Amino acid sequence: QVQLVESGGGLVQAGGSLRLSCAVSGRTFSRYAMGWFRQAPGKEREFVVAISWNDGSTYYADSVKGRFTVSRDNAKNMVYLQMNSLKPEDTAVYYCAASRQKVFRGAADAQSWGQGTQVTVSS
């Protein structure tokens, strides 16, 4: 398994941007699909985006398409989530996740999770 640590969350006004980072420890990072999920108060954890381990294919939730961009740097064991045009409804705790599957969109398919980082978007 791999260990994940997120950073980069914070408070931002609507329309602003944030960049989340996920540092991954483990020698087999390049063989894991990586994803970002989020959970708002009183709501279930939801899929945001995933990136495959082999060809860099990406998959986005409809709610963030065109605003969020995921990337990974296998040499540095890092995953990034660039979030632009943020909206108040993007407010949530954001979690980095890793899966042995080629790609994943369900939380149940993740084997490792970070501790989460809070993103708050004010109106």
PDB file of N, CA and C in Angstrom:
ATOM      1  N   GLN A   1       0.821  -1.201   0.000  1.00  0.00           N
ATOM      2  CA  GLN A   1       0.000   0.000   0.000  1.00  0.00           C
ATOM      3  C   GLN A   1       0.855   1.252   0.000  1.00  0.00           C
ATOM      4  N   VAL A   2       0.210   2.374  -0.285  1.00  0.00           N
ATOM      5  CA  VAL A   2       0.884   3.664  -0.267  1.00  0.00           C
ATOM      6  C   VAL A   2       0.241   4.550   0.801  1.00  0.00           C
ATOM      7  N   GLN A   3       0.994   5.535   1.249  1.00  0.00           N
ATOM      8  CA  GLN A   3       0.483   6.503   2.222  1.00  0.00           C
ATOM      9  C   GLN A   3       0.340   7.848   1.518  1.00  0.00           C
ATOM     10  N   LEU A   4      -0.733   8.543   1.847  1.00  0.00           N
ATOM     11  CA  LEU A   4      -1.074   9.781   1.142  1.00  0.00           C
ATOM     12  C   LEU A   4      -1.205  10.938   2.127  1.00  0.00           C
ATOM     13  N   VAL A   5      -0.676  12.096   1.737  1.00  0.00           N
ATOM     14  CA  VAL A   5      -0.798  13.302   2.557  1.00  0.00           C
ATOM     15  C   VAL A   5      -1.184  14.464   1.652  1.00  0.00           C
ATOM     16  N   GLU A   6      -2.364  15.036   1.916  1.00  0.00           N
ATOM     17  CA  GLU A   6      -2.841  16.176   1.127  1.00  0.00           C
ATOM     18  C   GLU A   6      -2.390  17.491   1.741  1.00  0.00           C
ATOM     19  N   SER A   7      -2.313  18.503   0.912  1.00  0.00           N
ATOM     20  CA  SER A   7      -2.037  19.861   1.364  1.00  0.00           C
ATOM     21  C   SER A   7      -2.601  20.836   0.336  1.00  0.00           C
ATOM     22  N   GLY A   8      -2.682  22.105   0.733  1.00  0.00           N
ATOM     23  CA  GLY A   8      -3.097  23.140  -0.206  1.00  0.00           C
ATOM     24  C   GLY A   8      -4.498  23.665  -0.032  1.00  0.00           C
ATOM     25  N   GLY A   9      -5.250  23.103   0.894  1.00  0.00           N
ATOM     26  CA  GLY A   9      -6.600  23.606   1.101  1.00  0.00           C
ATOM     27  C   GLY A   9      -6.582  24.980   1.754  1.00  0.00           C
ATOM     28  N   GLY A  10      -7.752  25.590   1.836  1.00  0.00           N
ATOM     29  CA  GLY A  10      -7.844  26.898   2.464  1.00  0.00           C
ATOM     30  C   GLY A  10      -9.153  27.582   2.167  1.00  0.00           C
ATOM     31  N   LEU A  11      -9.180  28.866   2.463  1.00  0.00           N
ATOM     32  CA  LEU A  11     -10.366  29.692   2.244  1.00  0.00           C
ATOM     33  C   LEU A  11     -10.136  30.570   1.019  1.00  0.00           C
ATOM     34  N   VAL A  12     -11.102  30.571   0.122  1.00  0.00           N
ATOM     35  CA  VAL A  12     -10.981  31.368  -1.091  1.00  0.00           C
ATOM     36  C   VAL A  12     -12.352  31.925  -1.458  1.00  0.00           C
ATOM     37  N   GLN A  13     -12.354  33.062  -2.113  1.00  0.00           N
ATOM     38  CA  GLN A  13     -13.622  33.648  -2.559  1.00  0.00           C
ATOM     39  C   GLN A  13     -14.113  32.954  -3.825  1.00  0.00           C
ATOM     40  N   ALA A  14     -15.396  33.006  -4.037  1.00  0.00           N
ATOM     41  CA  ALA A  14     -15.970  32.433  -5.250  1.00  0.00           C
ATOM     42  C   ALA A  14     -15.296  33.034  -6.479  1.00  0.00           C
ATOM     43  N   GLY A  15     -14.993  32.183  -7.437  1.00  0.00           N
ATOM     44  CA  GLY A  15     -14.279  32.606  -8.626  1.00  0.00           C
ATOM     45  C   GLY A  15     -12.774  32.452  -8.524  1.00  0.00           C
ATOM     46  N   GLY A  16     -12.294  32.194  -7.336  1.00  0.00           N
ATOM     47  CA  GLY A  16     -10.860  32.051  -7.112  1.00  0.00           C
ATOM     48  C   GLY A  16     -10.349  30.663  -7.446  1.00  0.00           C
ATOM     49  N   SER A  17      -9.073  30.450  -7.146  1.00  0.00           N
ATOM     50  CA  SER A  17      -8.407  29.194  -7.474  1.00  0.00           C
ATOM     51  C   SER A  17      -7.628  28.665  -6.272  1.00  0.00           C
ATOM     52  N   LEU A  18      -7.486  27.354  -6.256  1.00  0.00           N
ATOM     53  CA  LEU A  18      -6.630  26.671  -5.288  1.00  0.00           C
ATOM     54  C   LEU A  18      -5.972  25.501  -5.994  1.00  0.00           C
ATOM     55  N   ARG A  19      -4.813  25.132  -5.487  1.00  0.00           N
ATOM     56  CA  ARG A  19      -4.130  23.945  -5.997  1.00  0.00           C
ATOM     57  C   ARG A  19      -3.854  23.007  -4.832  1.00  0.00           C
ATOM     58  N   LEU A  20      -4.465  21.828  -4.909  1.00  0.00           N
ATOM     59  CA  LEU A  20      -4.234  20.813  -3.900  1.00  0.00           C
ATOM     60  C   LEU A  20      -3.098  19.894  -4.346  1.00  0.00           C
ATOM     61  N   SER A  21      -2.329  19.441  -3.371  1.00  0.00           N
ATOM     62  CA  SER A  21      -1.250  18.497  -3.640  1.00  0.00           C
ATOM     63  C   SER A  21      -1.449  17.248  -2.797  1.00  0.00           C
ATOM     64  N   CYS A  22      -0.989  16.144  -3.325  1.00  0.00           N
ATOM     65  CA  CYS A  22      -1.050  14.875  -2.603  1.00  0.00           C
ATOM     66  C   CYS A  22       0.320  14.216  -2.732  1.00  0.00           C
ATOM     67  N   ALA A  23       1.018  14.114  -1.614  1.00  0.00           N
ATOM     68  CA  ALA A  23       2.318  13.451  -1.584  1.00  0.00           C
ATOM     69  C   ALA A  23       2.107  11.972  -1.280  1.00  0.00           C
ATOM     70  N   VAL A  24       2.712  11.136  -2.090  1.00  0.00           N
ATOM     71  CA  VAL A  24       2.501   9.697  -1.977  1.00  0.00           C
ATOM     72  C   VAL A  24       3.808   9.003  -1.631  1.00  0.00           C
ATOM     73  N   SER A  25       3.793   8.207  -0.605  1.00  0.00           N
ATOM     74  CA  SER A  25       4.970   7.416  -0.253  1.00  0.00           C
ATOM     75  C   SER A  25       4.740   5.978  -0.671  1.00  0.00           C
ATOM     76  N   GLY A  26       5.785   5.348  -1.168  1.00  0.00           N
ATOM     77  CA  GLY A  26       5.653   3.972  -1.644  1.00  0.00           C
ATOM     78  C   GLY A  26       6.313   3.814  -2.987  1.00  0.00           C
ATOM     79  N   ARG A  27       6.987   2.702  -3.169  1.00  0.00           N
ATOM     80  CA  ARG A  27       7.773   2.499  -4.382  1.00  0.00           C
ATOM     81  C   ARG A  27       6.931   2.199  -5.599  1.00  0.00           C
ATOM     82  N   THR A  28       5.680   1.792  -5.381  1.00  0.00           N
ATOM     83  CA  THR A  28       4.850   1.365  -6.503  1.00  0.00           C
ATOM     84  C   THR A  28       3.827   2.418  -6.905  1.00  0.00           C
ATOM     85  N   PHE A  29       4.095   3.676  -6.573  1.00  0.00           N
ATOM     86  CA  PHE A  29       3.147   4.764  -6.866  1.00  0.00           C
ATOM     87  C   PHE A  29       2.720   4.756  -8.322  1.00  0.00           C
ATOM     88  N   SER A  30       3.646   4.532  -9.225  1.00  0.00           N
ATOM     89  CA  SER A  30       3.331   4.618 -10.649  1.00  0.00           C
ATOM     90  C   SER A  30       2.344   3.549 -11.099  1.00  0.00           C
ATOM     91  N   ARG A  31       2.109   2.536 -10.274  1.00  0.00           N
ATOM     92  CA  ARG A  31       1.161   1.481 -10.616  1.00  0.00           C
ATOM     93  C   ARG A  31      -0.221   1.708  -9.995  1.00  0.00           C
ATOM     94  N   TYR A  32      -0.438   2.854  -9.373  1.00  0.00           N
ATOM     95  CA  TYR A  32      -1.718   3.162  -8.760  1.00  0.00           C
ATOM     96  C   TYR A  32      -2.455   4.219  -9.575  1.00  0.00           C
ATOM     97  N   ALA A  33      -3.722   3.971  -9.829  1.00  0.00           N
ATOM     98  CA  ALA A  33      -4.586   5.049 -10.279  1.00  0.00           C
ATOM     99  C   ALA A  33      -4.833   5.958  -9.080  1.00  0.00           C
ATOM    100  N   MET A  34      -4.918   7.256  -9.337  1.00  0.00           N
ATOM    101  CA  MET A  34      -5.106   8.218  -8.256  1.00  0.00           C
ATOM    102  C   MET A  34      -6.397   8.991  -8.467  1.00  0.00           C
ATOM    103  N   GLY A  35      -7.002   9.378  -7.371  1.00  0.00           N
ATOM    104  CA  GLY A  35      -8.255  10.103  -7.485  1.00  0.00           C
ATOM    105  C   GLY A  35      -8.417  11.133  -6.384  1.00  0.00           C
ATOM    106  N   TRP A  36      -9.345  12.021  -6.605  1.00  0.00           N
ATOM    107  CA  TRP A  36      -9.753  13.002  -5.591  1.00  0.00           C
ATOM    108  C   TRP A  36     -11.253  12.832  -5.350  1.00  0.00           C
ATOM    109  N   PHE A  37     -11.601  12.813  -4.086  1.00  0.00           N
ATOM    110  CA  PHE A  37     -12.991  12.766  -3.666  1.00  0.00           C
ATOM    111  C   PHE A  37     -13.218  13.946  -2.726  1.00  0.00           C
ATOM    112  N   ARG A  38     -14.468  14.255  -2.479  1.00  0.00           N
ATOM    113  CA  ARG A  38     -14.761  15.316  -1.519  1.00  0.00           C
ATOM    114  C   ARG A  38     -16.007  14.975  -0.723  1.00  0.00           C
ATOM    115  N   GLN A  39     -16.073  15.546   0.462  1.00  0.00           N
ATOM    116  CA  GLN A  39     -17.226  15.303   1.330  1.00  0.00           C
ATOM    117  C   GLN A  39     -17.605  16.596   2.023  1.00  0.00           C
ATOM    118  N   ALA A  40     -18.814  17.039   1.746  1.00  0.00           N
ATOM    119  CA  ALA A  40     -19.358  18.224   2.387  1.00  0.00           C
ATOM    120  C   ALA A  40     -20.119  17.806   3.636  1.00  0.00           C
ATOM    121  N   PRO A  41     -20.307  18.726   4.583  1.00  0.00           N
ATOM    122  CA  PRO A  41     -21.023  18.382   5.821  1.00  0.00           C
ATOM    123  C   PRO A  41     -22.409  17.817   5.537  1.00  0.00           C
ATOM    124  N   GLY A  42     -22.703  16.690   6.154  1.00  0.00           N
ATOM    125  CA  GLY A  42     -24.009  16.087   6.002  1.00  0.00           C
ATOM    126  C   GLY A  42     -24.233  15.353   4.696  1.00  0.00           C
ATOM    127  N   LYS A  43     -23.191  15.266   3.880  1.00  0.00           N
ATOM    128  CA  LYS A  43     -23.312  14.587   2.585  1.00  0.00           C
ATOM    129  C   LYS A  43     -22.338  13.421   2.491  1.00  0.00           C
ATOM    130  N   GLU A  44     -22.628  12.530   1.545  1.00  0.00           N
ATOM    131  CA  GLU A  44     -21.736  11.404   1.321  1.00  0.00           C
ATOM    132  C   GLU A  44     -20.486  11.847   0.557  1.00  0.00           C
ATOM    133  N   ARG A  45     -19.454  11.055   0.698  1.00  0.00           N
ATOM    134  CA  ARG A  45     -18.234  11.324  -0.057  1.00  0.00           C
ATOM    135  C   ARG A  45     -18.516  11.108  -1.539  1.00  0.00           C
ATOM    136  N   GLU A  46     -18.082  12.046  -2.363  1.00  0.00           N
ATOM    137  CA  GLU A  46     -18.370  11.955  -3.787  1.00  0.00           C
ATOM    138  C   GLU A  46     -17.105  12.031  -4.621  1.00  0.00           C
ATOM    139  N   PHE A  47     -17.165  11.375  -5.757  1.00  0.00           N
ATOM    140  CA  PHE A  47     -16.061  11.357  -6.712  1.00  0.00           C
ATOM    141  C   PHE A  47     -15.892  12.720  -7.357  1.00  0.00           C
ATOM    142  N   VAL A  48     -14.642  13.141  -7.501  1.00  0.00           N
ATOM    143  CA  VAL A  48     -14.333  14.400  -8.176  1.00  0.00           C
ATOM    144  C   VAL A  48     -13.595  14.126  -9.485  1.00  0.00           C
ATOM    145  N   VAL A  49     -12.485  13.397  -9.397  1.00  0.00           N
ATOM    146  CA  VAL A  49     -11.671  13.157 -10.581  1.00  0.00           C
ATOM    147  C   VAL A  49     -10.751  11.969 -10.318  1.00  0.00           C
ATOM    148  N   ALA A  50     -10.361  11.285 -11.396  1.00  0.00           N
ATOM    149  CA  ALA A  50      -9.380  10.209 -11.299  1.00  0.00           C
ATOM    150  C   ALA A  50      -8.435  10.278 -12.485  1.00  0.00           C
ATOM    151  N   ILE A  51      -7.228   9.770 -12.270  1.00  0.00           N
ATOM    152  CA  ILE A  51      -6.234   9.698 -13.333  1.00  0.00           C
ATOM    153  C   ILE A  51      -5.611   8.311 -13.308  1.00  0.00           C
ATOM    154  N   SER A  52      -5.529   7.695 -14.466  1.00  0.00           N
ATOM    155  CA  SER A  52      -5.040   6.323 -14.533  1.00  0.00           C
ATOM    156  C   SER A  52      -3.548   6.260 -14.246  1.00  0.00           C
ATOM    157  N   TRP A  53      -3.069   5.040 -14.003  1.00  0.00           N
ATOM    158  CA  TRP A  53      -1.649   4.894 -13.669  1.00  0.00           C
ATOM    159  C   TRP A  53      -0.782   4.768 -14.895  1.00  0.00           C
ATOM    160  N   ASN A  54      -1.358   4.342 -16.041  1.00  0.00           N
ATOM    161  CA  ASN A  54      -0.486   4.009 -17.156  1.00  0.00           C
ATOM    162  C   ASN A  54      -0.471   5.043 -18.269  1.00  0.00           C
ATOM    163  N   ASP A  55      -1.628   5.476 -18.742  1.00  0.00           N
ATOM    164  CA  ASP A  55      -1.637   6.372 -19.899  1.00  0.00           C
ATOM    165  C   ASP A  55      -2.100   7.777 -19.559  1.00  0.00           C
ATOM    166  N   GLY A  56      -2.332   8.043 -18.280  1.00  0.00           N
ATOM    167  CA  GLY A  56      -2.717   9.395 -17.888  1.00  0.00           C
ATOM    168  C   GLY A  56      -4.136   9.778 -18.229  1.00  0.00           C
ATOM    169  N   SER A  57      -4.959   8.787 -18.551  1.00  0.00           N
ATOM    170  CA  SER A  57      -6.366   9.101 -18.832  1.00  0.00           C
ATOM    171  C   SER A  57      -7.012   9.712 -17.598  1.00  0.00           C
ATOM    172  N   THR A  58      -7.872  10.683 -17.842  1.00  0.00           N
ATOM    173  CA  THR A  58      -8.532  11.368 -16.733  1.00  0.00           C
ATOM    174  C   THR A  58     -10.045  11.274 -16.860  1.00  0.00           C
ATOM    175  N   TYR A  59     -10.710  11.314 -15.721  1.00  0.00           N
ATOM    176  CA  TYR A  59     -12.161  11.209 -15.644  1.00  0.00           C
ATOM    177  C   TYR A  59     -12.644  12.206 -14.603  1.00  0.00           C
ATOM    178  N   TYR A  60     -13.593  13.029 -15.002  1.00  0.00           N
ATOM    179  CA  TYR A  60     -14.066  14.096 -14.132  1.00  0.00           C
ATOM    180  C   TYR A  60     -15.556  13.955 -13.839  1.00  0.00           C
ATOM    181  N   ALA A  61     -15.927  14.351 -12.640  1.00  0.00           N
ATOM    182  CA  ALA A  61     -17.353  14.491 -12.349  1.00  0.00           C
ATOM    183  C   ALA A  61     -17.885  15.664 -13.169  1.00  0.00           C
ATOM    184  N   ASP A  62     -19.130  15.559 -13.592  1.00  0.00           N
ATOM    185  CA  ASP A  62     -19.708  16.620 -14.419  1.00  0.00           C
ATOM    186  C   ASP A  62     -19.655  17.978 -13.724  1.00  0.00           C
ATOM    187  N   SER A  63     -19.783  17.970 -12.422  1.00  0.00           N
ATOM    188  CA  SER A  63     -19.843  19.222 -11.674  1.00  0.00           C
ATOM    189  C   SER A  63     -18.529  20.017 -11.694  1.00  0.00           C
ATOM    190  N   VAL A  64     -17.429  19.364 -12.059  1.00  0.00           N
ATOM    191  CA  VAL A  64     -16.135  20.060 -12.042  1.00  0.00           C
ATOM    192  C   VAL A  64     -15.472  20.125 -13.419  1.00  0.00           C
ATOM    193  N   LYS A  65     -16.078  19.519 -14.415  1.00  0.00           N
ATOM    194  CA  LYS A  65     -15.501  19.545 -15.762  1.00  0.00           C
ATOM    195  C   LYS A  65     -15.304  20.970 -16.242  1.00  0.00           C
ATOM    196  N   GLY A  66     -14.132  21.216 -16.803  1.00  0.00           N
ATOM    197  CA  GLY A  66     -13.831  22.542 -17.326  1.00  0.00           C
ATOM    198  C   GLY A  66     -13.298  23.506 -16.272  1.00  0.00           C
ATOM    199  N   ARG A  67     -13.366  23.113 -15.003  1.00  0.00           N
ATOM    200  CA  ARG A  67     -12.882  23.990 -13.919  1.00  0.00           C
ATOM    201  C   ARG A  67     -11.701  23.377 -13.170  1.00  0.00           C
ATOM    202  N   PHE A  68     -11.726  22.066 -13.015  1.00  0.00           N
ATOM    203  CA  PHE A  68     -10.681  21.365 -12.273  1.00  0.00           C
ATOM    204  C   PHE A  68      -9.791  20.585 -13.243  1.00  0.00           C
ATOM    205  N   THR A  69      -8.520  20.479 -12.881  1.00  0.00           N
ATOM    206  CA  THR A  69      -7.570  19.707 -13.683  1.00  0.00           C
ATOM    207  C   THR A  69      -6.684  18.873 -12.770  1.00  0.00           C
ATOM    208  N   VAL A  70      -6.630  17.584 -13.041  1.00  0.00           N
ATOM    209  CA  VAL A  70      -5.785  16.681 -12.266  1.00  0.00           C
ATOM    210  C   VAL A  70      -4.517  16.381 -13.050  1.00  0.00           C
ATOM    211  N   SER A  71      -3.435  16.193 -12.313  1.00  0.00           N
ATOM    212  CA  SER A  71      -2.167  15.793 -12.945  1.00  0.00           C
ATOM    213  C   SER A  71      -1.363  14.977 -11.949  1.00  0.00           C
ATOM    214  N   ARG A  72      -0.402  14.237 -12.472  1.00  0.00           N
ATOM    215  CA  ARG A  72       0.457  13.455 -11.597  1.00  0.00           C
ATOM    216  C   ARG A  72       1.896  13.533 -12.090  1.00  0.00           C
ATOM    217  N   ASP A  73       2.808  13.464 -11.156  1.00  0.00           N
ATOM    218  CA  ASP A  73       4.229  13.454 -11.474  1.00  0.00           C
ATOM    219  C   ASP A  73       4.808  12.198 -10.839  1.00  0.00           C
ATOM    220  N   ASN A  74       4.945  11.155 -11.637  1.00  0.00           N
ATOM    221  CA  ASN A  74       5.398   9.873 -11.095  1.00  0.00           C
ATOM    222  C   ASN A  74       6.829   9.940 -10.576  1.00  0.00           C
ATOM    223  N   ALA A  75       7.631  10.843 -11.134  1.00  0.00           N
ATOM    224  CA  ALA A  75       9.021  10.976 -10.677  1.00  0.00           C
ATOM    225  C   ALA A  75       9.094  11.563  -9.274  1.00  0.00           C
ATOM    226  N   LYS A  76       8.110  12.385  -8.941  1.00  0.00           N
ATOM    227  CA  LYS A  76       8.096  13.040  -7.629  1.00  0.00           C
ATOM    228  C   LYS A  76       7.093  12.424  -6.670  1.00  0.00           C
ATOM    229  N   ASN A  77       6.361  11.416  -7.133  1.00  0.00           N
ATOM    230  CA  ASN A  77       5.318  10.789  -6.300  1.00  0.00           C
ATOM    231  C   ASN A  77       4.302  11.827  -5.826  1.00  0.00           C
ATOM    232  N   MET A  78       3.824  12.623  -6.767  1.00  0.00           N
ATOM    233  CA  MET A  78       2.882  13.684  -6.422  1.00  0.00           C
ATOM    234  C   MET A  78       1.675  13.650  -7.350  1.00  0.00           C
ATOM    235  N   VAL A  79       0.544  14.046  -6.788  1.00  0.00           N
ATOM    236  CA  VAL A  79      -0.681  14.233  -7.562  1.00  0.00           C
ATOM    237  C   VAL A  79      -1.196  15.629  -7.232  1.00  0.00           C
ATOM    238  N   TYR A  80      -1.710  16.309  -8.236  1.00  0.00           N
ATOM    239  CA  TYR A  80      -2.172  17.681  -8.054  1.00  0.00           C
ATOM    240  C   TYR A  80      -3.605  17.830  -8.533  1.00  0.00           C
ATOM    241  N   LEU A  81      -4.320  18.752  -7.902  1.00  0.00           N
ATOM    242  CA  LEU A  81      -5.656  19.104  -8.358  1.00  0.00           C
ATOM    243  C   LEU A  81      -5.723  20.624  -8.435  1.00  0.00           C
ATOM    244  N   GLN A  82      -5.723  21.140  -9.647  1.00  0.00           N
ATOM    245  CA  GLN A  82      -5.872  22.572  -9.869  1.00  0.00           C
ATOM    246  C   GLN A  82      -7.348  22.884  -9.959  1.00  0.00           C
ATOM    247  N   MET A  83      -7.817  23.752  -9.088  1.00  0.00           N
ATOM    248  CA  MET A  83      -9.232  24.085  -9.030  1.00  0.00           C
ATOM    249  C   MET A  83      -9.407  25.562  -9.357  1.00  0.00           C
ATOM    250  N   ASN A  84     -10.089  25.842 -10.447  1.00  0.00           N
ATOM    251  CA  ASN A  84     -10.350  27.212 -10.886  1.00  0.00           C
ATOM    252  C   ASN A  84     -11.839  27.498 -10.849  1.00  0.00           C
ATOM    253  N   SER A  85     -12.179  28.766 -10.906  1.00  0.00           N
ATOM    254  CA  SER A  85     -13.585  29.194 -10.922  1.00  0.00           C
ATOM    255  C   SER A  85     -14.365  28.515  -9.802  1.00  0.00           C
ATOM    256  N   LEU A  86     -13.814  28.549  -8.624  1.00  0.00           N
ATOM    257  CA  LEU A  86     -14.427  27.853  -7.504  1.00  0.00           C
ATOM    258  C   LEU A  86     -15.782  28.453  -7.142  1.00  0.00           C
ATOM    259  N   LYS A  87     -16.668  27.584  -6.690  1.00  0.00           N
ATOM    260  CA  LYS A  87     -18.021  27.975  -6.309  1.00  0.00           C
ATOM    261  C   LYS A  87     -18.254  27.592  -4.848  1.00  0.00           C
ATOM    262  N   PRO A  88     -19.191  28.251  -4.191  1.00  0.00           N
ATOM    263  CA  PRO A  88     -19.484  27.880  -2.795  1.00  0.00           C
ATOM    264  C   PRO A  88     -19.835  26.398  -2.643  1.00  0.00           C
ATOM    265  N   GLU A  89     -20.456  25.822  -3.652  1.00  0.00           N
ATOM    266  CA  GLU A  89     -20.822  24.404  -3.567  1.00  0.00           C
ATOM    267  C   GLU A  89     -19.625  23.467  -3.688  1.00  0.00           C
ATOM    268  N   ASP A  90     -18.451  24.013  -3.957  1.00  0.00           N
ATOM    269  CA  ASP A  90     -17.236  23.202  -3.953  1.00  0.00           C
ATOM    270  C   ASP A  90     -16.677  23.046  -2.536  1.00  0.00           C
ATOM    271  N   THR A  91     -17.258  23.742  -1.590  1.00  0.00           N
ATOM    272  CA  THR A  91     -16.801  23.656  -0.204  1.00  0.00           C
ATOM    273  C   THR A  91     -16.940  22.236   0.317  1.00  0.00           C
ATOM    274  N   ALA A  92     -15.840  21.668   0.805  1.00  0.00           N
ATOM    275  CA  ALA A  92     -15.828  20.282   1.276  1.00  0.00           C
ATOM    276  C   ALA A  92     -14.431  19.952   1.800  1.00  0.00           C
ATOM    277  N   VAL A  93     -14.334  18.801   2.422  1.00  0.00           N
ATOM    278  CA  VAL A  93     -13.024  18.216   2.706  1.00  0.00           C
ATOM    279  C   VAL A  93     -12.649  17.385   1.488  1.00  0.00           C
ATOM    280  N   TYR A  94     -11.475  17.634   0.957  1.00  0.00           N
ATOM    281  CA  TYR A  94     -11.005  16.936  -0.234  1.00  0.00           C
ATOM    282  C   TYR A  94     -10.002  15.857   0.172  1.00  0.00           C
ATOM    283  N   TYR A  95     -10.230  14.657  -0.372  1.00  0.00           N
ATOM    284  CA  TYR A  95      -9.402  13.508  -0.051  1.00  0.00           C
ATOM    285  C   TYR A  95      -8.694  12.981  -1.294  1.00  0.00           C
ATOM    286  N   CYS A  96      -7.456  12.666  -1.132  1.00  0.00           N
ATOM    287  CA  CYS A  96      -6.687  11.978  -2.155  1.00  0.00           C
ATOM    288  C   CYS A  96      -6.833  10.480  -1.917  1.00  0.00           C
ATOM    289  N   ALA A  97      -6.944   9.707  -2.998  1.00  0.00           N
ATOM    290  CA  ALA A  97      -7.134   8.269  -2.879  1.00  0.00           C
ATOM    291  C   ALA A  97      -6.321   7.535  -3.931  1.00  0.00           C
ATOM    292  N   ALA A  98      -5.957   6.307  -3.612  1.00  0.00           N
ATOM    293  CA  ALA A  98      -5.171   5.481  -4.527  1.00  0.00           C
ATOM    294  C   ALA A  98      -5.850   4.139  -4.712  1.00  0.00           C
ATOM    295  N   SER A  99      -5.783   3.628  -5.931  1.00  0.00           N
ATOM    296  CA  SER A  99      -6.414   2.349  -6.243  1.00  0.00           C
ATOM    297  C   SER A  99      -5.506   1.522  -7.126  1.00  0.00           C
ATOM    298  N   ARG A 100      -5.531   0.202  -6.901  1.00  0.00           N
ATOM    299  CA  ARG A 100      -4.780  -0.724  -7.745  1.00  0.00           C
ATOM    300  C   ARG A 100      -5.449  -0.939  -9.097  1.00  0.00           C
ATOM    301  N   GLN A 101      -6.686  -0.496  -9.224  1.00  0.00           N
ATOM    302  CA  GLN A 101      -7.358  -0.636 -10.505  1.00  0.00           C
ATOM    303  C   GLN A 101      -6.753   0.330 -11.510  1.00  0.00           C
ATOM    304  N   LYS A 102      -6.958   0.049 -12.780  1.00  0.00           N
ATOM    305  CA  LYS A 102      -6.432   0.913 -13.833  1.00  0.00           C
ATOM    306  C   LYS A 102      -7.027   2.301 -13.712  1.00  0.00           C
ATOM    307  N   VAL A 103      -8.302   2.351 -13.388  1.00  0.00           N
ATOM    308  CA  VAL A 103      -8.978   3.618 -13.150  1.00  0.00           C
ATOM    309  C   VAL A 103     -10.139   3.326 -12.219  1.00  0.00           C
ATOM    310  N   PHE A 104     -10.586   4.315 -11.486  1.00  0.00           N
ATOM    311  CA  PHE A 104     -11.678   4.081 -10.559  1.00  0.00           C
ATOM    312  C   PHE A 104     -12.482   5.350 -10.351  1.00  0.00           C
ATOM    313  N   ARG A 105     -13.725   5.158  -9.964  1.00  0.00           N
ATOM    314  CA  ARG A 105     -14.596   6.298  -9.674  1.00  0.00           C
ATOM    315  C   ARG A 105     -15.371   6.095  -8.381  1.00  0.00           C
ATOM    316  N   GLY A 106     -15.305   4.899  -7.830  1.00  0.00           N
ATOM    317  CA  GLY A 106     -16.017   4.618  -6.602  1.00  0.00           C
ATOM    318  C   GLY A 106     -15.084   4.613  -5.406  1.00  0.00           C
ATOM    319  N   ALA A 107     -15.561   5.193  -4.306  1.00  0.00           N
ATOM    320  CA  ALA A 107     -14.749   5.229  -3.103  1.00  0.00           C
ATOM    321  C   ALA A 107     -14.396   3.825  -2.621  1.00  0.00           C
ATOM    322  N   ALA A 108     -15.267   2.883  -2.862  1.00  0.00           N
ATOM    323  CA  ALA A 108     -15.031   1.512  -2.416  1.00  0.00           C
ATOM    324  C   ALA A 108     -13.871   0.855  -3.153  1.00  0.00           C
ATOM    325  N   ASP A 109     -13.472   1.416  -4.276  1.00  0.00           N
ATOM    326  CA  ASP A 109     -12.380   0.855  -5.068  1.00  0.00           C
ATOM    327  C   ASP A 109     -11.011   1.374  -4.648  1.00  0.00           C
ATOM    328  N   ALA A 110     -10.976   2.298  -3.698  1.00  0.00           N
ATOM    329  CA  ALA A 110      -9.699   2.842  -3.234  1.00  0.00           C
ATOM    330  C   ALA A 110      -9.150   2.001  -2.092  1.00  0.00           C
ATOM    331  N   GLN A 111      -7.842   1.787  -2.125  1.00  0.00           N
ATOM    332  CA  GLN A 111      -7.200   1.032  -1.049  1.00  0.00           C
ATOM    333  C   GLN A 111      -6.506   1.945  -0.040  1.00  0.00           C
ATOM    334  N   SER A 112      -6.208   3.165  -0.445  1.00  0.00           N
ATOM    335  CA  SER A 112      -5.513   4.075   0.462  1.00  0.00           C
ATOM    336  C   SER A 112      -6.140   5.459   0.383  1.00  0.00           C
ATOM    337  N   TRP A 113      -6.162   6.139   1.522  1.00  0.00           N
ATOM    338  CA  TRP A 113      -6.755   7.476   1.621  1.00  0.00           C
ATOM    339  C   TRP A 113      -5.830   8.394   2.394  1.00  0.00           C
ATOM    340  N   GLY A 114      -5.869   9.672   2.027  1.00  0.00           N
ATOM    341  CA  GLY A 114      -5.210  10.683   2.829  1.00  0.00           C
ATOM    342  C   GLY A 114      -6.131  11.139   3.943  1.00  0.00           C
ATOM    343  N   GLN A 115      -5.647  12.068   4.745  1.00  0.00           N
ATOM    344  CA  GLN A 115      -6.421  12.531   5.897  1.00  0.00           C
ATOM    345  C   GLN A 115      -7.416  13.630   5.521  1.00  0.00           C
ATOM    346  N   GLY A 116      -7.266  14.188   4.327  1.00  0.00           N
ATOM    347  CA  GLY A 116      -8.178  15.225   3.861  1.00  0.00           C
ATOM    348  C   GLY A 116      -7.665  16.626   4.108  1.00  0.00           C
ATOM    349  N   THR A 117      -8.094  17.536   3.256  1.00  0.00           N
ATOM    350  CA  THR A 117      -7.759  18.952   3.413  1.00  0.00           C
ATOM    351  C   THR A 117      -9.018  19.772   3.148  1.00  0.00           C
ATOM    352  N   GLN A 118      -9.262  20.762   3.994  1.00  0.00           N
ATOM    353  CA  GLN A 118     -10.504  21.544   3.913  1.00  0.00           C
ATOM    354  C   GLN A 118     -10.383  22.620   2.840  1.00  0.00           C
ATOM    355  N   VAL A 119     -11.402  22.686   1.999  1.00  0.00           N
ATOM    356  CA  VAL A 119     -11.544  23.762   1.023  1.00  0.00           C
ATOM    357  C   VAL A 119     -12.840  24.487   1.323  1.00  0.00           C
ATOM    358  N   THR A 120     -12.753  25.786   1.539  1.00  0.00           N
ATOM    359  CA  THR A 120     -13.932  26.591   1.824  1.00  0.00           C
ATOM    360  C   THR A 120     -13.995  27.730   0.824  1.00  0.00           C
ATOM    361  N   VAL A 121     -15.121  27.819   0.125  1.00  0.00           N
ATOM    362  CA  VAL A 121     -15.324  28.856  -0.878  1.00  0.00           C
ATOM    363  C   VAL A 121     -16.427  29.778  -0.391  1.00  0.00           C
ATOM    364  N   SER A 122     -16.084  31.030  -0.189  1.00  0.00           N
ATOM    365  CA  SER A 122     -17.055  32.003   0.301  1.00  0.00           C
ATOM    366  C   SER A 122     -17.732  32.713  -0.861  1.00  0.00           C
ATOM    367  N   SER A 123     -18.971  33.084  -0.646  1.00  0.00           N
ATOM    368  CA  SER A 123     -19.735  33.740  -1.719  1.00  0.00           C
ATOM    369  C   SER A 123     -19.578  35.253  -1.664  1.00  0.00           C
TER     370      SER A 123
END
